[in-house]
Amino acid sequence: MKQYVSNLRGSSIAFFLIVCTTVALALCSTHVVVMNNYRATQSNAHAIKAQYLAESAIEVVLAQLMEETDKLINSYLNDLKEYKISYLKTLEGNQSEKYLPQNFENYLYIYLLTHIDEYNSEKENPFKDYQHIHSYKAKVSYKVKKGTLSLEGIGTYNNARKMIEAEVEMPYVKTIGEDSYGLPLIEIHSWNVIAYYNKVML
């Protein structure tokens, strides 16, 4: 009888140990799963912020280019107006005078493309509500063969990094008819984003 009681106690202890071990393993597994999910969530959140920083780099450069181009277009149109007035006066005494206004592409090259590197920029911790160390970097280059600008934005948030590249069509002049003097009537088209995509960071 004593041996039976002793065996029963031993079995109870063994069962208790098995239950405790099973519970401990289950808790450990749950903890691992929870921590992995937390890290994945954090990593995804950091990647989203890095993406936003890269997009911000592109938007800042594009805004600067548009602002500078607006000034350039106004300057070109004023010069064109003055040239038209001068040409019409000259035409009164010389009907064979050719109409040869300044080329808008020359304005772009002289006043913009020759110093396009000045639009490259880098900014540390631009957003106050971001807790971790972050930055964005913008790089601008002119694609001669395509006649387009390449805007590259890199965003970094904590250990996450994202890169975006945008290809932008240059402003151009389009003739849409003739004015009251029979001279070309033009309109100037501004920057146009023709491609926008993520690039893999190596």
N, C-alpha and C. Protein backbone atom coordinates (compact mmCIF):
# COMPACT_ATOMS: atom_id res chain seq x y z
N MET A 1 0.83 -1.21 0.00
CA MET A 1 0.00 0.00 0.00
C MET A 1 0.86 1.25 0.00
N LYS A 2 1.96 1.21 0.84
CA LYS A 2 2.87 2.35 0.90
C LYS A 2 3.55 2.56 -0.45
N GLN A 3 3.90 1.44 -1.10
CA GLN A 3 4.56 1.52 -2.40
C GLN A 3 3.63 2.15 -3.44
N TYR A 4 2.33 1.86 -3.36
CA TYR A 4 1.34 2.40 -4.28
C TYR A 4 1.21 3.91 -4.09
N VAL A 5 1.15 4.34 -2.81
CA VAL A 5 1.05 5.77 -2.49
C VAL A 5 2.27 6.51 -2.99
N SER A 6 3.44 5.89 -2.78
CA SER A 6 4.70 6.49 -3.22
C SER A 6 4.74 6.63 -4.74
N ASN A 7 4.30 5.60 -5.45
CA ASN A 7 4.25 5.65 -6.92
C ASN A 7 3.29 6.72 -7.42
N LEU A 8 2.17 6.86 -6.68
CA LEU A 8 1.16 7.86 -7.05
C LEU A 8 1.72 9.27 -6.91
N ARG A 9 2.47 9.48 -5.77
CA ARG A 9 3.09 10.81 -5.57
C ARG A 9 4.13 11.09 -6.65
N GLY A 10 4.90 10.08 -6.96
CA GLY A 10 5.92 10.23 -8.01
C GLY A 10 5.30 10.57 -9.35
N SER A 11 4.18 9.89 -9.64
CA SER A 11 3.49 10.15 -10.91
C SER A 11 2.94 11.58 -10.93
N SER A 12 2.42 12.04 -9.78
CA SER A 12 1.87 13.41 -9.69
C SER A 12 2.96 14.44 -9.91
N ILE A 13 4.13 14.19 -9.30
CA ILE A 13 5.25 15.13 -9.47
C ILE A 13 5.70 15.16 -10.92
N ALA A 14 5.79 13.97 -11.52
CA ALA A 14 6.21 13.88 -12.92
C ALA A 14 5.21 14.60 -13.83
N PHE A 15 3.93 14.39 -13.56
CA PHE A 15 2.88 15.04 -14.35
C PHE A 15 2.95 16.56 -14.19
N PHE A 16 3.19 16.99 -12.94
CA PHE A 16 3.30 18.43 -12.66
C PHE A 16 4.48 19.04 -13.42
N LEU A 17 5.59 18.34 -13.41
CA LEU A 17 6.78 18.82 -14.13
C LEU A 17 6.53 18.91 -15.63
N ILE A 18 5.82 17.90 -16.16
CA ILE A 18 5.50 17.90 -17.59
C ILE A 18 4.61 19.09 -17.94
N VAL A 19 3.59 19.33 -17.08
CA VAL A 19 2.68 20.46 -17.30
C VAL A 19 3.44 21.78 -17.25
N CYS A 20 4.31 21.93 -16.22
CA CYS A 20 5.09 23.17 -16.08
C CYS A 20 6.00 23.39 -17.28
N THR A 21 6.63 22.31 -17.73
CA THR A 21 7.53 22.41 -18.89
C THR A 21 6.76 22.81 -20.15
N THR A 22 5.59 22.19 -20.31
CA THR A 22 4.75 22.50 -21.48
C THR A 22 4.31 23.96 -21.46
N VAL A 23 3.88 24.43 -20.28
CA VAL A 23 3.44 25.83 -20.13
C VAL A 23 4.60 26.78 -20.40
N ALA A 24 5.78 26.43 -19.86
CA ALA A 24 6.96 27.27 -20.04
C ALA A 24 7.34 27.35 -21.52
N LEU A 25 7.30 26.22 -22.20
CA LEU A 25 7.61 26.21 -23.63
C LEU A 25 6.60 27.02 -24.43
N ALA A 26 5.33 26.90 -24.04
CA ALA A 26 4.29 27.65 -24.72
C ALA A 26 4.47 29.15 -24.52
N LEU A 27 4.83 29.54 -23.27
CA LEU A 27 5.06 30.95 -22.98
C LEU A 27 6.26 31.48 -23.77
N CYS A 28 7.32 30.67 -23.80
CA CYS A 28 8.52 31.07 -24.55
C CYS A 28 8.21 31.22 -26.04
N SER A 29 7.46 30.28 -26.57
CA SER A 29 7.10 30.34 -27.98
C SER A 29 6.25 31.58 -28.27
N THR A 30 5.29 31.84 -27.37
CA THR A 30 4.43 33.01 -27.53
C THR A 30 5.24 34.29 -27.47
N HIS A 31 6.20 34.32 -26.53
CA HIS A 31 7.06 35.50 -26.39
C HIS A 31 7.88 35.73 -27.66
N VAL A 32 8.42 34.66 -28.21
CA VAL A 32 9.21 34.75 -29.44
C VAL A 32 8.35 35.27 -30.59
N VAL A 33 7.14 34.72 -30.71
CA VAL A 33 6.23 35.15 -31.78
C VAL A 33 5.86 36.62 -31.62
N VAL A 34 5.54 37.02 -30.38
CA VAL A 34 5.17 38.41 -30.11
C VAL A 34 6.33 39.36 -30.43
N MET A 35 7.53 38.98 -29.99
CA MET A 35 8.70 39.83 -30.23
C MET A 35 9.02 39.92 -31.73
N ASN A 36 8.88 38.80 -32.42
CA ASN A 36 9.11 38.82 -33.87
C ASN A 36 8.10 39.72 -34.58
N ASN A 37 6.84 39.62 -34.16
CA ASN A 37 5.80 40.47 -34.74
C ASN A 37 6.07 41.94 -34.44
N TYR A 38 6.53 42.20 -33.21
CA TYR A 38 6.83 43.59 -32.80
C TYR A 38 7.98 44.15 -33.65
N ARG A 39 9.03 43.32 -33.80
CA ARG A 39 10.17 43.77 -34.61
C ARG A 39 9.76 43.99 -36.06
N ALA A 40 8.93 43.10 -36.58
CA ALA A 40 8.46 43.24 -37.96
C ALA A 40 7.63 44.51 -38.12
N THR A 41 6.78 44.78 -37.13
CA THR A 41 5.95 45.98 -37.15
C THR A 41 6.81 47.24 -37.10
N GLN A 42 7.80 47.21 -36.19
CA GLN A 42 8.71 48.35 -36.06
C GLN A 42 9.52 48.55 -37.34
N SER A 43 10.00 47.45 -37.89
CA SER A 43 10.79 47.53 -39.12
C SER A 43 9.96 48.10 -40.26
N ASN A 44 8.71 47.68 -40.35
CA ASN A 44 7.81 48.18 -41.39
C ASN A 44 7.52 49.67 -41.19
N ALA A 45 7.32 50.06 -39.92
CA ALA A 45 7.06 51.47 -39.61
C ALA A 45 8.27 52.34 -39.97
N HIS A 46 9.46 51.85 -39.68
CA HIS A 46 10.68 52.58 -40.00
C HIS A 46 10.87 52.69 -41.51
N ALA A 47 10.54 51.60 -42.22
CA ALA A 47 10.66 51.60 -43.68
C ALA A 47 9.71 52.61 -44.31
N ILE A 48 8.50 52.72 -43.75
CA ILE A 48 7.51 53.68 -44.26
C ILE A 48 8.02 55.11 -44.08
N LYS A 49 8.63 55.38 -42.92
CA LYS A 49 9.16 56.71 -42.67
C LYS A 49 10.36 57.02 -43.57
N ALA A 50 11.19 55.99 -43.81
CA ALA A 50 12.32 56.17 -44.73
C ALA A 50 11.81 56.47 -46.14
N GLN A 51 10.72 55.80 -46.53
CA GLN A 51 10.10 56.03 -47.83
C GLN A 51 9.60 57.48 -47.94
N TYR A 52 8.95 57.94 -46.88
CA TYR A 52 8.44 59.31 -46.86
C TYR A 52 9.57 60.32 -46.95
N LEU A 53 10.68 60.03 -46.28
CA LEU A 53 11.85 60.92 -46.34
C LEU A 53 12.43 60.99 -47.75
N ALA A 54 12.49 59.84 -48.43
CA ALA A 54 12.98 59.81 -49.81
C ALA A 54 12.06 60.61 -50.72
N GLU A 55 10.74 60.47 -50.52
CA GLU A 55 9.78 61.23 -51.31
C GLU A 55 9.92 62.73 -51.04
N SER A 56 10.18 63.07 -49.78
CA SER A 56 10.35 64.48 -49.41
C SER A 56 11.54 65.09 -50.13
N ALA A 57 12.62 64.32 -50.25
CA ALA A 57 13.81 64.81 -50.95
C ALA A 57 13.48 65.17 -52.40
N ILE A 58 12.70 64.29 -53.06
CA ILE A 58 12.29 64.54 -54.45
C ILE A 58 11.41 65.79 -54.53
N GLU A 59 10.45 65.90 -53.62
CA GLU A 59 9.49 67.00 -53.65
C GLU A 59 10.17 68.35 -53.40
N VAL A 60 11.15 68.36 -52.48
CA VAL A 60 11.86 69.60 -52.16
C VAL A 60 12.63 70.09 -53.39
N VAL A 61 13.35 69.19 -54.05
CA VAL A 61 14.13 69.57 -55.24
C VAL A 61 13.20 70.02 -56.37
N LEU A 62 12.11 69.29 -56.57
CA LEU A 62 11.18 69.64 -57.64
C LEU A 62 10.56 71.02 -57.40
N ALA A 63 10.24 71.32 -56.14
CA ALA A 63 9.69 72.63 -55.79
C ALA A 63 10.70 73.74 -56.07
N GLN A 64 11.96 73.49 -55.74
CA GLN A 64 13.02 74.47 -56.00
C GLN A 64 13.20 74.70 -57.51
N LEU A 65 13.17 73.62 -58.27
CA LEU A 65 13.31 73.73 -59.72
C LEU A 65 12.15 74.52 -60.33
N MET A 66 10.95 74.25 -59.85
CA MET A 66 9.78 74.96 -60.37
C MET A 66 9.85 76.45 -60.06
N GLU A 67 10.28 76.76 -58.84
CA GLU A 67 10.39 78.17 -58.45
C GLU A 67 11.42 78.90 -59.32
N GLU A 68 12.57 78.26 -59.52
CA GLU A 68 13.61 78.86 -60.34
C GLU A 68 13.19 78.97 -61.80
N THR A 69 12.46 77.95 -62.28
CA THR A 69 12.02 77.95 -63.68
C THR A 69 10.97 79.03 -63.93
N ASP A 70 10.10 79.27 -62.96
CA ASP A 70 9.10 80.34 -63.10
C ASP A 70 9.78 81.68 -63.35
N LYS A 71 10.87 81.94 -62.62
CA LYS A 71 11.63 83.18 -62.81
C LYS A 71 12.26 83.19 -64.21
N LEU A 72 12.78 82.05 -64.59
CA LEU A 72 13.43 81.92 -65.90
C LEU A 72 12.44 82.15 -67.04
N ILE A 73 11.25 81.57 -66.90
CA ILE A 73 10.21 81.73 -67.94
C ILE A 73 9.78 83.19 -68.05
N ASN A 74 9.59 83.83 -66.91
CA ASN A 74 9.21 85.25 -66.93
C ASN A 74 10.28 86.10 -67.60
N SER A 75 11.54 85.79 -67.30
CA SER A 75 12.66 86.52 -67.92
C SER A 75 12.67 86.30 -69.43
N TYR A 76 12.45 85.04 -69.83
CA TYR A 76 12.45 84.71 -71.27
C TYR A 76 11.30 85.43 -71.99
N LEU A 77 10.11 85.42 -71.39
CA LEU A 77 8.95 86.05 -72.03
C LEU A 77 9.13 87.56 -72.13
N ASN A 78 9.74 88.17 -71.13
CA ASN A 78 10.01 89.62 -71.19
C ASN A 78 11.01 89.92 -72.31
N ASP A 79 12.07 89.08 -72.39
CA ASP A 79 13.06 89.28 -73.45
C ASP A 79 12.43 89.06 -74.83
N LEU A 80 11.54 88.07 -74.92
CA LEU A 80 10.87 87.78 -76.19
C LEU A 80 9.97 88.94 -76.59
N LYS A 81 9.29 89.51 -75.61
CA LYS A 81 8.42 90.66 -75.89
C LYS A 81 9.23 91.83 -76.43
N GLU A 82 10.37 92.09 -75.80
CA GLU A 82 11.23 93.19 -76.24
C GLU A 82 11.78 92.92 -77.65
N TYR A 83 12.13 91.66 -77.89
CA TYR A 83 12.64 91.31 -79.22
C TYR A 83 11.56 91.50 -80.27
N LYS A 84 10.32 91.12 -79.97
CA LYS A 84 9.21 91.27 -80.93
C LYS A 84 9.00 92.74 -81.27
N ILE A 85 9.03 93.60 -80.24
CA ILE A 85 8.83 95.04 -80.47
C ILE A 85 9.94 95.58 -81.38
N SER A 86 11.19 95.17 -81.05
CA SER A 86 12.33 95.61 -81.85
C SER A 86 12.24 95.07 -83.28
N TYR A 87 11.81 93.83 -83.41
CA TYR A 87 11.71 93.20 -84.74
C TYR A 87 10.65 93.91 -85.59
N LEU A 88 9.50 94.23 -85.00
CA LEU A 88 8.42 94.88 -85.74
C LEU A 88 8.83 96.27 -86.20
N LYS A 89 9.61 96.96 -85.36
CA LYS A 89 10.11 98.28 -85.76
C LYS A 89 11.09 98.16 -86.92
N THR A 90 11.97 97.14 -86.82
CA THR A 90 12.95 96.91 -87.89
C THR A 90 12.25 96.52 -89.18
N LEU A 91 11.16 95.78 -89.05
CA LEU A 91 10.44 95.26 -90.21
C LEU A 91 9.83 96.38 -91.05
N GLU A 92 9.55 97.53 -90.42
CA GLU A 92 8.96 98.67 -91.13
C GLU A 92 9.91 99.18 -92.23
N GLY A 93 11.20 99.06 -91.98
CA GLY A 93 12.16 99.56 -92.96
C GLY A 93 12.84 98.45 -93.74
N ASN A 94 12.67 97.20 -93.29
CA ASN A 94 13.35 96.08 -93.96
C ASN A 94 12.46 94.85 -93.89
N GLN A 95 11.67 94.62 -94.94
CA GLN A 95 10.71 93.53 -94.96
C GLN A 95 11.38 92.15 -95.02
N SER A 96 12.65 92.11 -95.36
CA SER A 96 13.35 90.83 -95.48
C SER A 96 13.99 90.37 -94.16
N GLU A 97 13.85 91.18 -93.13
CA GLU A 97 14.44 90.82 -91.82
C GLU A 97 13.81 89.52 -91.31
N LYS A 98 14.67 88.58 -90.94
CA LYS A 98 14.17 87.29 -90.43
C LYS A 98 13.84 87.37 -88.94
N TYR A 99 12.81 86.64 -88.57
CA TYR A 99 12.39 86.58 -87.16
C TYR A 99 13.17 85.46 -86.46
N LEU A 100 14.15 85.85 -85.65
CA LEU A 100 15.02 84.87 -84.99
C LEU A 100 15.11 85.17 -83.47
N PRO A 101 14.06 84.80 -82.75
CA PRO A 101 14.08 85.06 -81.30
C PRO A 101 15.06 84.13 -80.58
N GLN A 102 15.39 84.52 -79.38
CA GLN A 102 16.28 83.69 -78.55
C GLN A 102 15.62 82.33 -78.28
N ASN A 103 16.45 81.28 -78.28
CA ASN A 103 15.97 79.92 -78.06
C ASN A 103 15.77 79.67 -76.56
N PHE A 104 14.58 79.17 -76.20
CA PHE A 104 14.30 78.92 -74.77
C PHE A 104 15.23 77.86 -74.19
N GLU A 105 15.60 76.87 -75.00
CA GLU A 105 16.51 75.82 -74.52
C GLU A 105 17.86 76.40 -74.11
N ASN A 106 18.28 77.48 -74.79
CA ASN A 106 19.53 78.14 -74.41
C ASN A 106 19.42 78.77 -73.03
N TYR A 107 18.25 79.32 -72.73
CA TYR A 107 18.02 79.90 -71.40
C TYR A 107 18.13 78.81 -70.33
N LEU A 108 17.51 77.68 -70.62
CA LEU A 108 17.56 76.57 -69.66
C LEU A 108 18.99 76.13 -69.41
N TYR A 109 19.74 76.03 -70.48
CA TYR A 109 21.12 75.55 -70.36
C TYR A 109 21.98 76.56 -69.59
N ILE A 110 21.89 77.83 -69.96
CA ILE A 110 22.76 78.85 -69.36
C ILE A 110 22.40 79.11 -67.91
N TYR A 111 21.10 79.26 -67.64
CA TYR A 111 20.68 79.71 -66.31
C TYR A 111 20.28 78.58 -65.35
N LEU A 112 20.24 77.35 -65.86
CA LEU A 112 19.82 76.26 -64.98
C LEU A 112 20.76 75.05 -65.04
N LEU A 113 20.92 74.49 -66.22
CA LEU A 113 21.67 73.24 -66.34
C LEU A 113 23.15 73.37 -66.02
N THR A 114 23.72 74.55 -66.25
CA THR A 114 25.14 74.73 -65.98
C THR A 114 25.47 74.68 -64.49
N HIS A 115 24.47 74.89 -63.66
CA HIS A 115 24.71 74.80 -62.21
C HIS A 115 23.68 73.88 -61.53
N ILE A 116 23.32 72.80 -62.23
CA ILE A 116 22.31 71.87 -61.70
C ILE A 116 22.78 71.17 -60.43
N ASP A 117 24.11 71.04 -60.26
CA ASP A 117 24.65 70.39 -59.05
C ASP A 117 24.29 71.14 -57.77
N GLU A 118 23.96 72.41 -57.90
CA GLU A 118 23.62 73.20 -56.72
C GLU A 118 22.32 72.73 -56.06
N TYR A 119 21.55 71.94 -56.79
CA TYR A 119 20.29 71.43 -56.24
C TYR A 119 20.47 70.14 -55.45
N ASN A 120 21.68 69.58 -55.49
CA ASN A 120 21.97 68.42 -54.63
C ASN A 120 21.94 68.88 -53.18
N SER A 121 21.33 68.11 -52.32
CA SER A 121 21.21 68.53 -50.92
C SER A 121 21.12 67.33 -49.98
N GLU A 122 21.38 67.61 -48.73
CA GLU A 122 21.27 66.59 -47.69
C GLU A 122 20.84 67.27 -46.40
N LYS A 123 19.88 66.68 -45.72
CA LYS A 123 19.37 67.29 -44.49
C LYS A 123 19.25 66.25 -43.39
N GLU A 124 19.79 66.60 -42.21
CA GLU A 124 19.73 65.71 -41.05
C GLU A 124 18.55 66.08 -40.15
N ASN A 125 17.81 65.07 -39.73
CA ASN A 125 16.69 65.23 -38.78
C ASN A 125 15.75 66.38 -39.15
N PRO A 126 15.15 66.35 -40.34
CA PRO A 126 14.28 67.45 -40.76
C PRO A 126 12.91 67.49 -40.06
N PHE A 127 12.47 66.35 -39.52
CA PHE A 127 11.13 66.29 -38.92
C PHE A 127 11.22 66.13 -37.40
N LYS A 128 10.69 67.09 -36.68
CA LYS A 128 10.79 67.11 -35.22
C LYS A 128 10.01 65.97 -34.56
N ASP A 129 8.94 65.50 -35.20
CA ASP A 129 8.12 64.46 -34.58
C ASP A 129 8.67 63.05 -34.81
N TYR A 130 9.79 62.93 -35.51
CA TYR A 130 10.42 61.61 -35.70
C TYR A 130 11.37 61.35 -34.53
N GLN A 131 11.17 60.22 -33.84
CA GLN A 131 11.93 59.95 -32.63
C GLN A 131 13.39 59.57 -32.91
N HIS A 132 13.62 58.78 -33.93
CA HIS A 132 14.97 58.27 -34.19
C HIS A 132 15.74 59.19 -35.16
N ILE A 133 17.04 58.97 -35.23
CA ILE A 133 17.88 59.71 -36.16
C ILE A 133 17.42 59.43 -37.60
N HIS A 134 17.28 60.49 -38.37
CA HIS A 134 16.80 60.33 -39.74
C HIS A 134 17.39 61.42 -40.64
N SER A 135 17.31 61.19 -41.94
CA SER A 135 17.84 62.16 -42.89
C SER A 135 17.30 61.88 -44.29
N TYR A 136 17.46 62.87 -45.16
CA TYR A 136 17.20 62.62 -46.57
C TYR A 136 18.29 63.27 -47.41
N LYS A 137 18.49 62.71 -48.58
CA LYS A 137 19.52 63.19 -49.50
C LYS A 137 18.94 63.25 -50.91
N ALA A 138 19.20 64.34 -51.59
CA ALA A 138 18.70 64.52 -52.95
C ALA A 138 19.87 64.70 -53.91
N LYS A 139 19.78 64.03 -55.05
CA LYS A 139 20.81 64.15 -56.07
C LYS A 139 20.14 64.39 -57.42
N VAL A 140 20.64 65.39 -58.16
CA VAL A 140 20.06 65.76 -59.44
C VAL A 140 21.11 65.61 -60.54
N SER A 141 20.72 65.01 -61.65
CA SER A 141 21.64 64.88 -62.77
C SER A 141 20.88 65.04 -64.08
N TYR A 142 21.58 65.55 -65.08
CA TYR A 142 20.98 65.79 -66.39
C TYR A 142 21.34 64.66 -67.34
N LYS A 143 20.32 64.02 -67.91
CA LYS A 143 20.51 62.94 -68.87
C LYS A 143 20.54 63.55 -70.28
N VAL A 144 21.74 63.73 -70.81
CA VAL A 144 21.92 64.44 -72.08
C VAL A 144 21.18 63.76 -73.23
N LYS A 145 21.32 62.44 -73.35
CA LYS A 145 20.72 61.72 -74.47
C LYS A 145 19.19 61.81 -74.45
N LYS A 146 18.62 61.71 -73.27
CA LYS A 146 17.15 61.76 -73.14
C LYS A 146 16.63 63.18 -73.05
N GLY A 147 17.49 64.11 -72.63
CA GLY A 147 17.05 65.48 -72.43
C GLY A 147 16.14 65.62 -71.22
N THR A 148 16.38 64.79 -70.20
CA THR A 148 15.55 64.81 -68.98
C THR A 148 16.44 64.97 -67.76
N LEU A 149 15.80 65.28 -66.64
CA LEU A 149 16.50 65.33 -65.37
C LEU A 149 16.19 64.07 -64.57
N SER A 150 17.19 63.58 -63.88
CA SER A 150 17.00 62.45 -62.98
C SER A 150 17.10 62.96 -61.55
N LEU A 151 16.03 62.75 -60.77
CA LEU A 151 16.02 63.16 -59.36
C LEU A 151 16.06 61.91 -58.50
N GLU A 152 17.08 61.83 -57.66
CA GLU A 152 17.23 60.66 -56.79
C GLU A 152 17.09 61.08 -55.33
N GLY A 153 16.18 60.42 -54.63
CA GLY A 153 15.97 60.73 -53.21
C GLY A 153 16.26 59.51 -52.35
N ILE A 154 17.07 59.71 -51.31
CA ILE A 154 17.38 58.63 -50.37
C ILE A 154 16.91 59.05 -48.98
N GLY A 155 16.07 58.22 -48.39
CA GLY A 155 15.57 58.48 -47.03
C GLY A 155 16.12 57.45 -46.06
N THR A 156 16.56 57.92 -44.90
CA THR A 156 17.09 57.03 -43.87
C THR A 156 16.37 57.31 -42.56
N TYR A 157 15.84 56.25 -41.96
CA TYR A 157 15.21 56.37 -40.64
C TYR A 157 15.68 55.21 -39.77
N ASN A 158 16.43 55.53 -38.72
CA ASN A 158 17.04 54.50 -37.87
C ASN A 158 17.92 53.60 -38.76
N ASN A 159 17.59 52.33 -38.89
CA ASN A 159 18.37 51.44 -39.75
C ASN A 159 17.71 51.18 -41.11
N ALA A 160 16.58 51.81 -41.34
CA ALA A 160 15.85 51.60 -42.60
C ALA A 160 16.28 52.63 -43.64
N ARG A 161 16.44 52.18 -44.90
CA ARG A 161 16.82 53.07 -45.99
C ARG A 161 15.95 52.79 -47.22
N LYS A 162 15.52 53.87 -47.87
CA LYS A 162 14.73 53.75 -49.10
C LYS A 162 15.27 54.71 -50.15
N MET A 163 15.19 54.28 -51.40
CA MET A 163 15.64 55.13 -52.50
C MET A 163 14.55 55.22 -53.56
N ILE A 164 14.32 56.44 -54.03
CA ILE A 164 13.34 56.70 -55.09
C ILE A 164 14.04 57.47 -56.20
N GLU A 165 13.69 57.15 -57.43
CA GLU A 165 14.22 57.92 -58.57
C GLU A 165 13.05 58.40 -59.42
N ALA A 166 13.11 59.66 -59.79
CA ALA A 166 12.09 60.24 -60.66
C ALA A 166 12.77 60.78 -61.91
N GLU A 167 12.15 60.53 -63.05
CA GLU A 167 12.64 61.10 -64.30
C GLU A 167 11.69 62.21 -64.71
N VAL A 168 12.26 63.39 -64.95
CA VAL A 168 11.44 64.58 -65.17
C VAL A 168 11.71 65.18 -66.55
N GLU A 169 10.64 65.41 -67.28
CA GLU A 169 10.75 66.05 -68.58
C GLU A 169 11.00 67.54 -68.41
N MET A 170 11.94 68.07 -69.18
CA MET A 170 12.31 69.48 -69.09
C MET A 170 11.20 70.38 -69.63
N PRO A 171 11.14 71.64 -69.14
CA PRO A 171 10.20 72.60 -69.74
C PRO A 171 10.51 72.80 -71.22
N TYR A 172 9.48 73.04 -72.01
CA TYR A 172 9.70 73.23 -73.44
C TYR A 172 8.67 74.20 -74.02
N VAL A 173 9.02 74.76 -75.17
CA VAL A 173 8.15 75.71 -75.86
C VAL A 173 7.36 75.00 -76.94
N LYS A 174 6.08 75.34 -77.04
CA LYS A 174 5.23 74.78 -78.09
C LYS A 174 4.52 75.92 -78.83
N THR A 175 4.62 75.89 -80.14
CA THR A 175 3.93 76.90 -80.96
C THR A 175 2.47 76.48 -81.14
N ILE A 176 1.55 77.38 -80.80
CA ILE A 176 0.13 77.03 -80.84
C ILE A 176 -0.65 77.86 -81.87
N GLY A 177 0.07 78.66 -82.64
CA GLY A 177 -0.61 79.48 -83.66
C GLY A 177 0.18 80.73 -83.96
N GLU A 178 -0.53 81.78 -84.39
CA GLU A 178 0.11 83.05 -84.70
C GLU A 178 -0.61 84.17 -83.97
N ASP A 179 0.17 85.21 -83.62
CA ASP A 179 -0.46 86.36 -82.97
C ASP A 179 -1.01 87.32 -84.03
N SER A 180 -1.46 88.47 -83.60
CA SER A 180 -2.08 89.43 -84.53
C SER A 180 -1.10 90.00 -85.54
N TYR A 181 0.20 89.84 -85.30
CA TYR A 181 1.22 90.32 -86.24
C TYR A 181 1.73 89.21 -87.15
N GLY A 182 1.15 88.04 -87.03
CA GLY A 182 1.57 86.91 -87.84
C GLY A 182 2.83 86.23 -87.33
N LEU A 183 3.20 86.54 -86.11
CA LEU A 183 4.38 85.93 -85.49
C LEU A 183 3.95 84.73 -84.65
N PRO A 184 4.86 83.77 -84.42
CA PRO A 184 4.51 82.56 -83.66
C PRO A 184 3.96 82.89 -82.27
N LEU A 185 2.86 82.24 -81.94
CA LEU A 185 2.27 82.35 -80.61
C LEU A 185 2.65 81.08 -79.85
N ILE A 186 3.25 81.25 -78.69
CA ILE A 186 3.79 80.08 -77.99
C ILE A 186 3.18 79.90 -76.60
N GLU A 187 3.34 78.70 -76.09
CA GLU A 187 3.07 78.41 -74.69
C GLU A 187 4.23 77.57 -74.16
N ILE A 188 4.54 77.75 -72.88
CA ILE A 188 5.67 77.03 -72.29
C ILE A 188 5.15 76.01 -71.29
N HIS A 189 5.50 74.76 -71.53
CA HIS A 189 5.09 73.68 -70.65
C HIS A 189 6.14 73.49 -69.54
N SER A 190 5.67 73.33 -68.32
CA SER A 190 6.57 73.23 -67.17
C SER A 190 7.06 71.80 -66.99
N TRP A 191 7.74 71.55 -65.88
CA TRP A 191 8.27 70.23 -65.57
C TRP A 191 7.17 69.19 -65.55
N ASN A 192 7.50 67.99 -66.02
CA ASN A 192 6.53 66.91 -66.02
C ASN A 192 7.20 65.61 -65.59
N VAL A 193 6.72 65.02 -64.50
CA VAL A 193 7.29 63.76 -64.01
C VAL A 193 6.78 62.64 -64.91
N ILE A 194 7.70 61.97 -65.62
CA ILE A 194 7.30 60.92 -66.56
C ILE A 194 7.60 59.52 -66.02
N ALA A 195 8.37 59.42 -64.95
CA ALA A 195 8.65 58.11 -64.32
C ALA A 195 8.97 58.33 -62.86
N TYR A 196 8.49 57.40 -62.03
CA TYR A 196 8.67 57.51 -60.58
C TYR A 196 8.67 56.11 -60.00
N TYR A 197 9.81 55.69 -59.46
CA TYR A 197 9.88 54.31 -59.01
C TYR A 197 10.88 54.13 -57.87
N ASN A 198 10.69 53.06 -57.10
CA ASN A 198 11.61 52.70 -56.03
C ASN A 198 12.81 51.95 -56.60
N LYS A 199 13.97 52.16 -55.99
CA LYS A 199 15.17 51.44 -56.37
C LYS A 199 15.66 50.62 -55.18
N VAL A 200 16.27 49.49 -55.48
CA VAL A 200 16.76 48.60 -54.44
C VAL A 200 18.10 49.14 -53.90
N MET A 201 18.18 49.27 -52.57
CA MET A 201 19.41 49.72 -51.93
C MET A 201 20.34 48.52 -51.74
N LEU A 202 21.56 48.63 -52.23
CA LEU A 202 22.54 47.54 -52.09
C LEU A 202 23.47 47.80 -50.92
